[in-house]
PDB file of N, CA and C in Angstrom:
ATOM      1  N   UNK A   1       0.847  -1.174   0.000  1.00  0.00           N
ATOM      2  CA  UNK A   1       0.000   0.000   0.000  1.00  0.00           C
ATOM      3  C   UNK A   1       0.892   1.235   0.000  1.00  0.00           C
ATOM      4  N   UNK A   2       0.554   2.249  -0.800  1.00  0.00           N
ATOM      5  CA  UNK A   2       1.363   3.461  -0.819  1.00  0.00           C
ATOM      6  C   UNK A   2       1.332   4.166   0.529  1.00  0.00           C
ATOM      7  N   UNK A   3       2.250   5.103   0.699  1.00  0.00           N
ATOM      8  CA  UNK A   3       2.276   5.869   1.938  1.00  0.00           C
ATOM      9  C   UNK A   3       0.937   6.570   2.128  1.00  0.00           C
ATOM     10  N   UNK A   4       0.505   6.642   3.366  1.00  0.00           N
ATOM     11  CA  UNK A   4      -0.768   7.282   3.667  1.00  0.00           C
ATOM     12  C   UNK A   4      -0.627   8.794   3.534  1.00  0.00           C
ATOM     13  N   UNK A   5      -1.702   9.472   3.115  1.00  0.00           N
ATOM     14  CA  UNK A   5      -1.611  10.912   2.919  1.00  0.00           C
ATOM     15  C   UNK A   5      -1.542  11.656   4.234  1.00  0.00           C
ATOM     16  N   UNK A   6      -0.950  12.809   4.174  1.00  0.00           N
ATOM     17  CA  UNK A   6      -0.949  13.723   5.295  1.00  0.00           C
ATOM     18  C   UNK A   6      -2.284  14.461   5.249  1.00  0.00           C
ATOM     19  N   UNK A   7      -3.069  14.451   6.335  1.00  0.00           N
ATOM     20  CA  UNK A   7      -4.370  15.119   6.306  1.00  0.00           C
ATOM     21  C   UNK A   7      -4.293  16.596   5.935  1.00  0.00           C
ATOM     22  N   UNK A   8      -3.114  17.189   6.003  1.00  0.00           N
ATOM     23  CA  UNK A   8      -2.958  18.596   5.639  1.00  0.00           C
ATOM     24  C   UNK A   8      -2.875  18.796   4.125  1.00  0.00           C
ATOM     25  N   UNK A   9      -2.770  17.714   3.351  1.00  0.00           N
ATOM     26  CA  UNK A   9      -2.579  17.826   1.904  1.00  0.00           C
ATOM     27  C   UNK A   9      -3.863  17.575   1.135  1.00  0.00           C
ATOM     28  N   UNK A  10      -4.988  18.018   1.661  1.00  0.00           N
ATOM     29  CA  UNK A  10      -6.281  17.771   1.035  1.00  0.00           C
ATOM     30  C   UNK A  10      -6.302  18.270  -0.405  1.00  0.00           C
ATOM     31  N   UNK A  11      -5.703  19.409  -0.677  1.00  0.00           N
ATOM     32  CA  UNK A  11      -5.700  19.971  -2.023  1.00  0.00           C
ATOM     33  C   UNK A  11      -4.984  19.115  -3.041  1.00  0.00           C
ATOM     34  N   UNK A  12      -4.151  18.198  -2.588  1.00  0.00           N
ATOM     35  CA  UNK A  12      -3.403  17.336  -3.497  1.00  0.00           C
ATOM     36  C   UNK A  12      -4.163  16.051  -3.820  1.00  0.00           C
ATOM     37  N   UNK A  13      -5.369  15.928  -3.358  1.00  0.00           N
ATOM     38  CA  UNK A  13      -6.191  14.749  -3.605  1.00  0.00           C
ATOM     39  C   UNK A  13      -7.491  15.198  -4.255  1.00  0.00           C
ATOM     40  N   UNK A  14      -7.436  15.518  -5.533  1.00  0.00           N
ATOM     41  CA  UNK A  14      -8.540  16.211  -6.186  1.00  0.00           C
ATOM     42  C   UNK A  14      -9.863  15.478  -6.253  1.00  0.00           C
ATOM     43  N   UNK A  15      -9.890  14.160  -6.141  1.00  0.00           N
ATOM     44  CA  UNK A  15     -11.136  13.427  -6.359  1.00  0.00           C
ATOM     45  C   UNK A  15     -11.729  12.802  -5.106  1.00  0.00           C
ATOM     46  N   UNK A  16     -11.027  12.845  -3.991  1.00  0.00           N
ATOM     47  CA  UNK A  16     -11.515  12.133  -2.821  1.00  0.00           C
ATOM     48  C   UNK A  16     -12.915  12.577  -2.391  1.00  0.00           C
ATOM     49  N   UNK A  17     -13.117  13.867  -2.135  1.00  0.00           N
ATOM     50  CA  UNK A  17     -14.403  14.340  -1.611  1.00  0.00           C
ATOM     51  C   UNK A  17     -15.549  14.000  -2.570  1.00  0.00           C
ATOM     52  N   UNK A  18     -15.338  14.223  -3.854  1.00  0.00           N
ATOM     53  CA  UNK A  18     -16.383  13.912  -4.837  1.00  0.00           C
ATOM     54  C   UNK A  18     -16.657  12.411  -4.881  1.00  0.00           C
ATOM     55  N   UNK A  19     -15.607  11.602  -4.922  1.00  0.00           N
ATOM     56  CA  UNK A  19     -15.790  10.154  -4.969  1.00  0.00           C
ATOM     57  C   UNK A  19     -16.500   9.646  -3.712  1.00  0.00           C
ATOM     58  N   UNK A  20     -16.098  10.152  -2.566  1.00  0.00           N
ATOM     59  CA  UNK A  20     -16.713   9.719  -1.315  1.00  0.00           C
ATOM     60  C   UNK A  20     -18.197  10.091  -1.298  1.00  0.00           C
ATOM     61  N   UNK A  21     -18.501  11.315  -1.664  1.00  0.00           N
ATOM     62  CA  UNK A  21     -19.890  11.774  -1.704  1.00  0.00           C
ATOM     63  C   UNK A  21     -20.728  10.905  -2.646  1.00  0.00           C
ATOM     64  N   UNK A  22     -20.194  10.592  -3.807  1.00  0.00           N
ATOM     65  CA  UNK A  22     -20.924   9.787  -4.790  1.00  0.00           C
ATOM     66  C   UNK A  22     -21.074   8.335  -4.344  1.00  0.00           C
ATOM     67  N   UNK A  23     -20.064   7.802  -3.650  1.00  0.00           N
ATOM     68  CA  UNK A  23     -20.192   6.439  -3.116  1.00  0.00           C
ATOM     69  C   UNK A  23     -21.301   6.379  -2.070  1.00  0.00           C
ATOM     70  N   UNK A  24     -21.384   7.399  -1.244  1.00  0.00           N
ATOM     71  CA  UNK A  24     -22.469   7.431  -0.262  1.00  0.00           C
ATOM     72  C   UNK A  24     -23.813   7.447  -0.985  1.00  0.00           C
ATOM     73  N   UNK A  25     -23.921   8.256  -2.032  1.00  0.00           N
ATOM     74  CA  UNK A  25     -25.165   8.318  -2.794  1.00  0.00           C
ATOM     75  C   UNK A  25     -25.478   7.007  -3.487  1.00  0.00           C
ATOM     76  N   UNK A  26     -24.468   6.380  -4.074  1.00  0.00           N
ATOM     77  CA  UNK A  26     -24.652   5.109  -4.774  1.00  0.00           C
ATOM     78  C   UNK A  26     -25.266   4.055  -3.851  1.00  0.00           C
ATOM     79  N   UNK A  27     -24.829   4.076  -2.611  1.00  0.00           N
ATOM     80  CA  UNK A  27     -25.298   3.076  -1.645  1.00  0.00           C
ATOM     81  C   UNK A  27     -26.366   3.631  -0.695  1.00  0.00           C
ATOM     82  N   UNK A  28     -26.871   4.815  -1.011  1.00  0.00           N
ATOM     83  CA  UNK A  28     -27.940   5.442  -0.226  1.00  0.00           C
ATOM     84  C   UNK A  28     -27.582   5.512   1.261  1.00  0.00           C
ATOM     85  N   UNK A  29     -26.357   5.919   1.538  1.00  0.00           N
ATOM     86  CA  UNK A  29     -25.889   6.018   2.917  1.00  0.00           C
ATOM     87  C   UNK A  29     -25.970   7.453   3.412  1.00  0.00           C
ATOM     88  N   UNK A  30     -26.564   7.642   4.583  1.00  0.00           N
ATOM     89  CA  UNK A  30     -26.527   8.945   5.230  1.00  0.00           C
ATOM     90  C   UNK A  30     -25.157   9.110   5.884  1.00  0.00           C
ATOM     91  N   UNK A  31     -24.836  10.329   6.248  1.00  0.00           N
ATOM     92  CA  UNK A  31     -23.576  10.576   6.951  1.00  0.00           C
ATOM     93  C   UNK A  31     -23.539   9.800   8.257  1.00  0.00           C
ATOM     94  N   UNK A  32     -24.667   9.737   8.933  1.00  0.00           N
ATOM     95  CA  UNK A  32     -24.722   9.037  10.217  1.00  0.00           C
ATOM     96  C   UNK A  32     -24.479   7.537  10.050  1.00  0.00           C
ATOM     97  N   UNK A  33     -25.121   6.940   9.041  1.00  0.00           N
ATOM     98  CA  UNK A  33     -24.955   5.491   8.820  1.00  0.00           C
ATOM     99  C   UNK A  33     -23.541   5.180   8.348  1.00  0.00           C
ATOM    100  N   UNK A  34     -23.002   6.017   7.462  1.00  0.00           N
ATOM    101  CA  UNK A  34     -21.625   5.817   6.993  1.00  0.00           C
ATOM    102  C   UNK A  34     -20.653   5.916   8.163  1.00  0.00           C
ATOM    103  N   UNK A  35     -20.864   6.895   9.033  1.00  0.00           N
ATOM    104  CA  UNK A  35     -19.991   7.058  10.201  1.00  0.00           C
ATOM    105  C   UNK A  35     -20.024   5.815  11.082  1.00  0.00           C
ATOM    106  N   UNK A  36     -21.214   5.288  11.278  1.00  0.00           N
ATOM    107  CA  UNK A  36     -21.366   4.080  12.091  1.00  0.00           C
ATOM    108  C   UNK A  36     -20.627   2.898  11.463  1.00  0.00           C
ATOM    109  N   UNK A  37     -20.783   2.711  10.160  1.00  0.00           N
ATOM    110  CA  UNK A  37     -20.165   1.574   9.475  1.00  0.00           C
ATOM    111  C   UNK A  37     -18.642   1.676   9.415  1.00  0.00           C
ATOM    112  N   UNK A  38     -18.134   2.907   9.272  1.00  0.00           N
ATOM    113  CA  UNK A  38     -16.683   3.102   9.135  1.00  0.00           C
ATOM    114  C   UNK A  38     -16.026   3.372  10.492  1.00  0.00           C
ATOM    115  N   UNK A  39     -16.869   3.539  11.515  1.00  0.00           N
ATOM    116  CA  UNK A  39     -16.397   3.753  12.885  1.00  0.00           C
ATOM    117  C   UNK A  39     -15.688   5.090  13.065  1.00  0.00           C
ATOM    118  N   UNK A  40     -16.366   6.143  12.601  1.00  0.00           N
ATOM    119  CA  UNK A  40     -15.904   7.518  12.807  1.00  0.00           C
ATOM    120  C   UNK A  40     -17.122   8.345  13.221  1.00  0.00           C
ATOM    121  N   UNK A  41     -16.910   9.603  13.541  1.00  0.00           N
ATOM    122  CA  UNK A  41     -18.028  10.464  13.922  1.00  0.00           C
ATOM    123  C   UNK A  41     -18.711  11.030  12.674  1.00  0.00           C
ATOM    124  N   UNK A  42     -19.979  11.384  12.782  1.00  0.00           N
ATOM    125  CA  UNK A  42     -20.658  12.034  11.652  1.00  0.00           C
ATOM    126  C   UNK A  42     -19.966  13.332  11.233  1.00  0.00           C
ATOM    127  N   UNK A  43     -19.354  14.021  12.187  1.00  0.00           N
ATOM    128  CA  UNK A  43     -18.619  15.246  11.861  1.00  0.00           C
ATOM    129  C   UNK A  43     -17.444  14.927  10.945  1.00  0.00           C
ATOM    130  N   UNK A  44     -16.753  13.845  11.218  1.00  0.00           N
ATOM    131  CA  UNK A  44     -15.631  13.432  10.371  1.00  0.00           C
ATOM    132  C   UNK A  44     -16.120  13.141   8.955  1.00  0.00           C
ATOM    133  N   UNK A  45     -17.236  12.433   8.832  1.00  0.00           N
ATOM    134  CA  UNK A  45     -17.803  12.147   7.514  1.00  0.00           C
ATOM    135  C   UNK A  45     -18.140  13.449   6.808  1.00  0.00           C
ATOM    136  N   UNK A  46     -18.684  14.404   7.524  1.00  0.00           N
ATOM    137  CA  UNK A  46     -19.002  15.708   6.934  1.00  0.00           C
ATOM    138  C   UNK A  46     -17.741  16.399   6.426  1.00  0.00           C
ATOM    139  N   UNK A  47     -16.667  16.358   7.193  1.00  0.00           N
ATOM    140  CA  UNK A  47     -15.398  16.958   6.755  1.00  0.00           C
ATOM    141  C   UNK A  47     -14.897  16.285   5.478  1.00  0.00           C
ATOM    142  N   UNK A  48     -14.992  14.962   5.403  1.00  0.00           N
ATOM    143  CA  UNK A  48     -14.558  14.243   4.200  1.00  0.00           C
ATOM    144  C   UNK A  48     -15.401  14.644   3.004  1.00  0.00           C
ATOM    145  N   UNK A  49     -16.720  14.695   3.193  1.00  0.00           N
ATOM    146  CA  UNK A  49     -17.632  15.030   2.100  1.00  0.00           C
ATOM    147  C   UNK A  49     -17.379  16.437   1.557  1.00  0.00           C
ATOM    148  N   UNK A  50     -17.005  17.344   2.445  1.00  0.00           N
ATOM    149  CA  UNK A  50     -16.774  18.733   2.050  1.00  0.00           C
ATOM    150  C   UNK A  50     -15.334  19.025   1.667  1.00  0.00           C
ATOM    151  N   UNK A  51     -14.487  18.000   1.666  1.00  0.00           N
ATOM    152  CA  UNK A  51     -13.091  18.188   1.273  1.00  0.00           C
ATOM    153  C   UNK A  51     -12.260  18.945   2.285  1.00  0.00           C
ATOM    154  N   UNK A  52     -12.701  19.001   3.539  1.00  0.00           N
ATOM    155  CA  UNK A  52     -11.969  19.724   4.572  1.00  0.00           C
ATOM    156  C   UNK A  52     -10.922  18.858   5.259  1.00  0.00           C
ATOM    157  N   UNK A  53     -11.048  17.545   5.100  1.00  0.00           N
ATOM    158  CA  UNK A  53     -10.150  16.620   5.792  1.00  0.00           C
ATOM    159  C   UNK A  53     -10.086  15.321   5.008  1.00  0.00           C
ATOM    160  N   UNK A  54      -8.973  14.610   5.161  1.00  0.00           N
ATOM    161  CA  UNK A  54      -8.811  13.283   4.574  1.00  0.00           C
ATOM    162  C   UNK A  54      -8.737  12.243   5.684  1.00  0.00           C
ATOM    163  N   UNK A  55      -9.211  11.045   5.401  1.00  0.00           N
ATOM    164  CA  UNK A  55      -8.993   9.972   6.374  1.00  0.00           C
ATOM    165  C   UNK A  55      -7.510   9.616   6.381  1.00  0.00           C
ATOM    166  N   UNK A  56      -7.033   9.124   7.501  1.00  0.00           N
ATOM    167  CA  UNK A  56      -5.627   8.727   7.568  1.00  0.00           C
ATOM    168  C   UNK A  56      -5.488   7.471   8.409  1.00  0.00           C
ATOM    169  N   UNK A  57      -4.347   6.818   8.270  1.00  0.00           N
ATOM    170  CA  UNK A  57      -4.011   5.650   9.074  1.00  0.00           C
ATOM    171  C   UNK A  57      -5.071   4.567   9.065  1.00  0.00           C
ATOM    172  N   UNK A  58      -5.414   4.053  10.256  1.00  0.00           N
ATOM    173  CA  UNK A  58      -6.387   2.964  10.353  1.00  0.00           C
ATOM    174  C   UNK A  58      -7.764   3.348   9.794  1.00  0.00           C
ATOM    175  N   UNK A  59      -8.136   4.615   9.931  1.00  0.00           N
ATOM    176  CA  UNK A  59      -9.431   5.056   9.407  1.00  0.00           C
ATOM    177  C   UNK A  59      -9.458   4.935   7.891  1.00  0.00           C
ATOM    178  N   UNK A  60      -8.393   5.326   7.234  1.00  0.00           N
ATOM    179  CA  UNK A  60      -8.306   5.204   5.780  1.00  0.00           C
ATOM    180  C   UNK A  60      -8.376   3.732   5.381  1.00  0.00           C
ATOM    181  N   UNK A  61      -7.688   2.886   6.105  1.00  0.00           N
ATOM    182  CA  UNK A  61      -7.719   1.451   5.790  1.00  0.00           C
ATOM    183  C   UNK A  61      -9.135   0.883   5.922  1.00  0.00           C
ATOM    184  N   UNK A  62      -9.855   1.282   6.972  1.00  0.00           N
ATOM    185  CA  UNK A  62     -11.245   0.824   7.139  1.00  0.00           C
ATOM    186  C   UNK A  62     -12.123   1.316   5.994  1.00  0.00           C
ATOM    187  N   UNK A  63     -11.938   2.570   5.597  1.00  0.00           N
ATOM    188  CA  UNK A  63     -12.728   3.139   4.506  1.00  0.00           C
ATOM    189  C   UNK A  63     -12.463   2.396   3.204  1.00  0.00           C
ATOM    190  N   UNK A  64     -11.195   2.164   2.880  1.00  0.00           N
ATOM    191  CA  UNK A  64     -10.844   1.439   1.656  1.00  0.00           C
ATOM    192  C   UNK A  64     -11.388   0.016   1.691  1.00  0.00           C
ATOM    193  N   UNK A  65     -11.272  -0.633   2.831  1.00  0.00           N
ATOM    194  CA  UNK A  65     -11.771  -1.999   2.961  1.00  0.00           C
ATOM    195  C   UNK A  65     -13.286  -2.039   2.827  1.00  0.00           C
ATOM    196  N   UNK A  66     -13.955  -1.092   3.443  1.00  0.00           N
ATOM    197  CA  UNK A  66     -15.409  -1.077   3.391  1.00  0.00           C
ATOM    198  C   UNK A  66     -15.904  -0.946   1.948  1.00  0.00           C
ATOM    199  N   UNK A  67     -15.337  -0.009   1.200  1.00  0.00           N
ATOM    200  CA  UNK A  67     -15.790   0.206  -0.172  1.00  0.00           C
ATOM    201  C   UNK A  67     -15.086  -0.704  -1.177  1.00  0.00           C
ATOM    202  N   UNK A  68     -14.090  -1.470  -0.739  1.00  0.00           N
ATOM    203  CA  UNK A  68     -13.419  -2.404  -1.628  1.00  0.00           C
ATOM    204  C   UNK A  68     -12.641  -1.724  -2.732  1.00  0.00           C
ATOM    205  N   UNK A  69     -12.068  -0.580  -2.429  1.00  0.00           N
ATOM    206  CA  UNK A  69     -11.313   0.172  -3.425  1.00  0.00           C
ATOM    207  C   UNK A  69      -9.860   0.308  -3.010  1.00  0.00           C
ATOM    208  N   UNK A  70      -9.026   0.509  -3.991  1.00  0.00           N
ATOM    209  CA  UNK A  70      -7.610   0.788  -3.744  1.00  0.00           C
ATOM    210  C   UNK A  70      -7.451   2.265  -3.417  1.00  0.00           C
ATOM    211  N   UNK A  71      -6.396   2.574  -2.711  1.00  0.00           N
ATOM    212  CA  UNK A  71      -6.079   3.954  -2.339  1.00  0.00           C
ATOM    213  C   UNK A  71      -6.071   4.874  -3.559  1.00  0.00           C
ATOM    214  N   UNK A  72      -5.333   4.485  -4.584  1.00  0.00           N
ATOM    215  CA  UNK A  72      -5.195   5.354  -5.757  1.00  0.00           C
ATOM    216  C   UNK A  72      -6.537   5.577  -6.460  1.00  0.00           C
ATOM    217  N   UNK A  73      -7.403   4.581  -6.435  1.00  0.00           N
ATOM    218  CA  UNK A  73      -8.711   4.729  -7.075  1.00  0.00           C
ATOM    219  C   UNK A  73      -9.581   5.739  -6.332  1.00  0.00           C
ATOM    220  N   UNK A  74      -9.655   5.610  -5.034  1.00  0.00           N
ATOM    221  CA  UNK A  74     -10.514   6.488  -4.250  1.00  0.00           C
ATOM    222  C   UNK A  74     -10.004   7.923  -4.240  1.00  0.00           C
ATOM    223  N   UNK A  75      -8.724   8.096  -4.171  1.00  0.00           N
ATOM    224  CA  UNK A  75      -8.141   9.426  -4.002  1.00  0.00           C
ATOM    225  C   UNK A  75      -7.871  10.137  -5.331  1.00  0.00           C
ATOM    226  N   UNK A  76      -7.362   9.417  -6.318  1.00  0.00           N
ATOM    227  CA  UNK A  76      -6.848  10.073  -7.521  1.00  0.00           C
ATOM    228  C   UNK A  76      -7.600   9.786  -8.820  1.00  0.00           C
ATOM    229  N   UNK A  77      -8.633   8.952  -8.781  1.00  0.00           N
ATOM    230  CA  UNK A  77      -9.332   8.581 -10.019  1.00  0.00           C
ATOM    231  C   UNK A  77     -10.693   9.272 -10.078  1.00  0.00           C
ATOM    232  N   UNK A  78     -10.999   9.946 -11.186  1.00  0.00           N
ATOM    233  CA  UNK A  78     -12.316  10.583 -11.297  1.00  0.00           C
ATOM    234  C   UNK A  78     -13.428   9.530 -11.282  1.00  0.00           C
ATOM    235  N   UNK A  79     -14.577   9.891 -10.749  1.00  0.00           N
ATOM    236  CA  UNK A  79     -15.691   8.951 -10.616  1.00  0.00           C
ATOM    237  C   UNK A  79     -16.077   8.340 -11.957  1.00  0.00           C
ATOM    238  N   UNK A  80     -16.022   9.101 -13.031  1.00  0.00           N
ATOM    239  CA  UNK A  80     -16.367   8.554 -14.340  1.00  0.00           C
ATOM    240  C   UNK A  80     -15.543   7.326 -14.681  1.00  0.00           C
ATOM    241  N   UNK A  81     -14.250   7.369 -14.385  1.00  0.00           N
ATOM    242  CA  UNK A  81     -13.396   6.207 -14.638  1.00  0.00           C
ATOM    243  C   UNK A  81     -13.686   5.078 -13.658  1.00  0.00           C
ATOM    244  N   UNK A  82     -13.966   5.409 -12.404  1.00  0.00           N
ATOM    245  CA  UNK A  82     -14.326   4.361 -11.440  1.00  0.00           C
ATOM    246  C   UNK A  82     -15.571   3.617 -11.899  1.00  0.00           C
ATOM    247  N   UNK A  83     -16.544   4.362 -12.447  1.00  0.00           N
ATOM    248  CA  UNK A  83     -17.778   3.728 -12.922  1.00  0.00           C
ATOM    249  C   UNK A  83     -17.526   2.811 -14.110  1.00  0.00           C
ATOM    250  N   UNK A  84     -16.507   3.109 -14.893  1.00  0.00           N
ATOM    251  CA  UNK A  84     -16.173   2.272 -16.050  1.00  0.00           C
ATOM    252  C   UNK A  84     -15.313   1.079 -15.663  1.00  0.00           C
ATOM    253  N   UNK A  85     -14.619   1.162 -14.548  1.00  0.00           N
ATOM    254  CA  UNK A  85     -13.702   0.097 -14.148  1.00  0.00           C
ATOM    255  C   UNK A  85     -14.210  -0.625 -12.902  1.00  0.00           C
ATOM    256  N   UNK A  86     -13.702  -0.244 -11.737  1.00  0.00           N
ATOM    257  CA  UNK A  86     -14.011  -0.963 -10.506  1.00  0.00           C
ATOM    258  C   UNK A  86     -15.517  -1.067 -10.233  1.00  0.00           C
ATOM    259  N   UNK A  87     -16.223   0.037 -10.401  1.00  0.00           N
ATOM    260  CA  UNK A  87     -17.632   0.057 -10.034  1.00  0.00           C
ATOM    261  C   UNK A  87     -18.535  -0.552 -11.101  1.00  0.00           C
ATOM    262  N   UNK A  88     -17.995  -0.903 -12.262  1.00  0.00           N
ATOM    263  CA  UNK A  88     -18.796  -1.527 -13.322  1.00  0.00           C
ATOM    264  C   UNK A  88     -19.109  -2.990 -13.005  1.00  0.00           C
ATOM    265  N   UNK A  89     -18.365  -3.574 -12.125  1.00  0.00           N
ATOM    266  CA  UNK A  89     -18.565  -4.978 -11.751  1.00  0.00           C
ATOM    267  C   UNK A  89     -19.724  -5.068 -10.750  1.00  0.00           C
ATOM    268  N   UNK A  90     -20.793  -5.792 -11.068  1.00  0.00           N
ATOM    269  CA  UNK A  90     -21.918  -5.890 -10.129  1.00  0.00           C
ATOM    270  C   UNK A  90     -21.529  -6.490  -8.784  1.00  0.00           C
ATOM    271  N   UNK A  91     -20.470  -7.288  -8.761  1.00  0.00           N
ATOM    272  CA  UNK A  91     -20.019  -7.849  -7.490  1.00  0.00           C
ATOM    273  C   UNK A  91     -19.585  -6.758  -6.522  1.00  0.00           C
ATOM    274  N   UNK A  92     -19.001  -5.690  -7.052  1.00  0.00           N
ATOM    275  CA  UNK A  92     -18.590  -4.582  -6.198  1.00  0.00           C
ATOM    276  C   UNK A  92     -19.805  -4.065  -5.422  1.00  0.00           C
ATOM    277  N   UNK A  93     -20.841  -3.711  -6.154  1.00  0.00           N
ATOM    278  CA  UNK A  93     -22.041  -3.138  -5.544  1.00  0.00           C
ATOM    279  C   UNK A  93     -22.671  -4.110  -4.539  1.00  0.00           C
ATOM    280  N   UNK A  94     -22.804  -5.359  -4.932  1.00  0.00           N
ATOM    281  CA  UNK A  94     -23.451  -6.348  -4.076  1.00  0.00           C
ATOM    282  C   UNK A  94     -22.657  -6.616  -2.799  1.00  0.00           C
ATOM    283  N   UNK A  95     -21.337  -6.609  -2.894  1.00  0.00           N
ATOM    284  CA  UNK A  95     -20.506  -6.846  -1.706  1.00  0.00           C
ATOM    285  C   UNK A  95     -20.635  -5.697  -0.713  1.00  0.00           C
ATOM    286  N   UNK A  96     -20.624  -4.457  -1.207  1.00  0.00           N
ATOM    287  CA  UNK A  96     -20.778  -3.313  -0.303  1.00  0.00           C
ATOM    288  C   UNK A  96     -22.180  -3.326   0.320  1.00  0.00           C
ATOM    289  N   UNK A  97     -23.187  -3.615  -0.484  1.00  0.00           N
ATOM    290  CA  UNK A  97     -24.552  -3.681   0.050  1.00  0.00           C
ATOM    291  C   UNK A  97     -24.668  -4.757   1.135  1.00  0.00           C
ATOM    292  N   UNK A  98     -24.000  -5.886   0.945  1.00  0.00           N
ATOM    293  CA  UNK A  98     -24.017  -6.939   1.966  1.00  0.00           C
ATOM    294  C   UNK A  98     -23.359  -6.436   3.250  1.00  0.00           C
ATOM    295  N   UNK A  99     -22.280  -5.691   3.130  1.00  0.00           N
ATOM    296  CA  UNK A  99     -21.621  -5.124   4.314  1.00  0.00           C
ATOM    297  C   UNK A  99     -22.563  -4.158   5.035  1.00  0.00           C
ATOM    298  N   UNK A 100     -23.287  -3.350   4.273  1.00  0.00           N
ATOM    299  CA  UNK A 100     -24.214  -2.384   4.870  1.00  0.00           C
ATOM    300  C   UNK A 100     -25.291  -3.111   5.659  1.00  0.00           C
ATOM    301  N   UNK A 101     -25.772  -4.215   5.122  1.00  0.00           N
ATOM    302  CA  UNK A 101     -26.815  -4.996   5.804  1.00  0.00           C
ATOM    303  C   UNK A 101     -26.253  -5.858   6.932  1.00  0.00           C
ATOM    304  N   UNK A 102     -24.928  -5.912   7.060  1.00  0.00           N
ATOM    305  CA  UNK A 102     -24.313  -6.706   8.118  1.00  0.00           C
ATOM    306  C   UNK A 102     -24.274  -8.189   7.814  1.00  0.00           C
ATOM    307  N   UNK A 103     -24.376  -8.550   6.543  1.00  0.00           N
ATOM    308  CA  UNK A 103     -24.359  -9.954   6.149  1.00  0.00           C
ATOM    309  C   UNK A 103     -22.934 -10.428   5.949  1.00  0.00           C
ATOM    310  N   UNK A 104     -22.740 -11.732   6.140  1.00  0.00           N
ATOM    311  CA  UNK A 104     -21.433 -12.310   5.851  1.00  0.00           C
ATOM    312  C   UNK A 104     -21.225 -12.321   4.357  1.00  0.00           C
ATOM    313  N   UNK A 105     -19.997 -12.052   3.951  1.00  0.00           N
ATOM    314  CA  UNK A 105     -19.686 -12.044   2.529  1.00  0.00           C
ATOM    315  C   UNK A 105     -19.350 -13.445   2.062  1.00  0.00           C
ATOM    316  N   UNK A 106     -19.884 -13.850   0.911  1.00  0.00           N
ATOM    317  CA  UNK A 106     -19.569 -15.180   0.391  1.00  0.00           C
ATOM    318  C   UNK A 106     -18.108 -15.255  -0.045  1.00  0.00           C
ATOM    319  N   UNK A 107     -17.567 -16.448   0.003  1.00  0.00           N
ATOM    320  CA  UNK A 107     -16.174 -16.644  -0.400  1.00  0.00           C
ATOM    321  C   UNK A 107     -16.008 -16.494  -1.911  1.00  0.00           C
ATOM    322  N   UNK A 108     -17.058 -16.747  -2.670  1.00  0.00           N
ATOM    323  CA  UNK A 108     -16.963 -16.633  -4.124  1.00  0.00           C
ATOM    324  C   UNK A 108     -17.848 -15.484  -4.595  1.00  0.00           C
ATOM    325  N   UNK A 109     -17.685 -15.064  -5.835  1.00  0.00           N
ATOM    326  CA  UNK A 109     -18.469 -13.943  -6.341  1.00  0.00           C
ATOM    327  C   UNK A 109     -19.972 -14.168  -6.187  1.00  0.00           C
ATOM    328  N   UNK A 110     -20.685 -13.085  -5.956  1.00  0.00           N
ATOM    329  CA  UNK A 110     -22.131 -13.131  -5.769  1.00  0.00           C
ATOM    330  C   UNK A 110     -22.844 -13.324  -7.104  1.00  0.00           C
ATOM    331  N   UNK A 111     -22.362 -12.653  -8.130  1.00  0.00           N
ATOM    332  CA  UNK A 111     -22.984 -12.722  -9.458  1.00  0.00           C
ATOM    333  C   UNK A 111     -21.873 -12.766 -10.493  1.00  0.00           C
ATOM    334  N   UNK A 112     -22.154 -13.276 -11.682  1.00  0.00           N
ATOM    335  CA  UNK A 112     -21.118 -13.280 -12.708  1.00  0.00           C
ATOM    336  C   UNK A 112     -20.660 -11.853 -13.007  1.00  0.00           C
ATOM    337  N   UNK A 113     -19.387 -11.694 -13.188  1.00  0.00           N
ATOM    338  CA  UNK A 113     -18.850 -10.368 -13.505  1.00  0.00           C
ATOM    339  C   UNK A 113     -19.307  -9.946 -14.893  1.00  0.00           C
ATOM    340  N   UNK A 114     -19.749  -8.707 -15.014  1.00  0.00           N
ATOM    341  CA  UNK A 114     -20.163  -8.163 -16.291  1.00  0.00           C
ATOM    342  C   UNK A 114     -18.944  -7.635 -17.008  1.00  0.00           C
ATOM    343  N   UNK A 115     -18.810  -7.976 -18.256  1.00  0.00           N
ATOM    344  CA  UNK A 115     -17.674  -7.509 -19.044  1.00  0.00           C
ATOM    345  C   UNK A 115     -18.230  -6.826 -20.288  1.00  0.00           C
ATOM    346  N   UNK A 116     -17.948  -5.510 -20.432  1.00  0.00           N
ATOM    347  CA  UNK A 116     -18.530  -4.749 -21.521  1.00  0.00           C
ATOM    348  C   UNK A 116     -18.248  -5.328 -22.900  1.00  0.00           C
ATOM    349  N   UNK A 117     -17.075  -5.921 -23.087  1.00  0.00           N
ATOM    350  CA  UNK A 117     -16.741  -6.441 -24.411  1.00  0.00           C
ATOM    351  C   UNK A 117     -17.593  -7.654 -24.786  1.00  0.00           C
ATOM    352  N   UNK A 118     -18.223  -8.289 -23.788  1.00  0.00           N
ATOM    353  CA  UNK A 118     -19.066  -9.454 -24.059  1.00  0.00           C
ATOM    354  C   UNK A 118     -20.532  -9.080 -24.267  1.00  0.00           C
ATOM    355  N   UNK A 119     -20.901  -7.836 -23.992  1.00  0.00           N
ATOM    356  CA  UNK A 119     -22.309  -7.461 -24.063  1.00  0.00           C
ATOM    357  C   UNK A 119     -22.705  -6.825 -25.387  1.00  0.00           C
ATOM    358  N   UNK A 120     -21.814  -6.757 -26.332  1.00  0.00           N
ATOM    359  CA  UNK A 120     -22.130  -6.105 -27.608  1.00  0.00           C
ATOM    360  C   UNK A 120     -22.834  -7.049 -28.551  1.00  0.00           C
TER     361      UNK A 120
END
């Protein structure tokens, strides 16, 4: 895993706040529910959503694990590209939804992976 960001370098992470906000919307998560699931305060979630602060250390690891994303994807990749790559796989969505519901995750994929080149 790359070095963790310094919370003072928010301006150097152009996509984090937007990506985080959109992930919450994708999964219909309120700030309060997201805070509960990631084990932070609702105020912290608000700071992340508004680009005032970045998660760091163990909190960042929990956030990445919860959403099943790599550091570089969440921080440096525009949402449009995430939707075409990582988030295009239905397993991604279903796994996060299972975590939200508190269900155990299956050892194998939930649904066949969708591949755009096969759908033409």
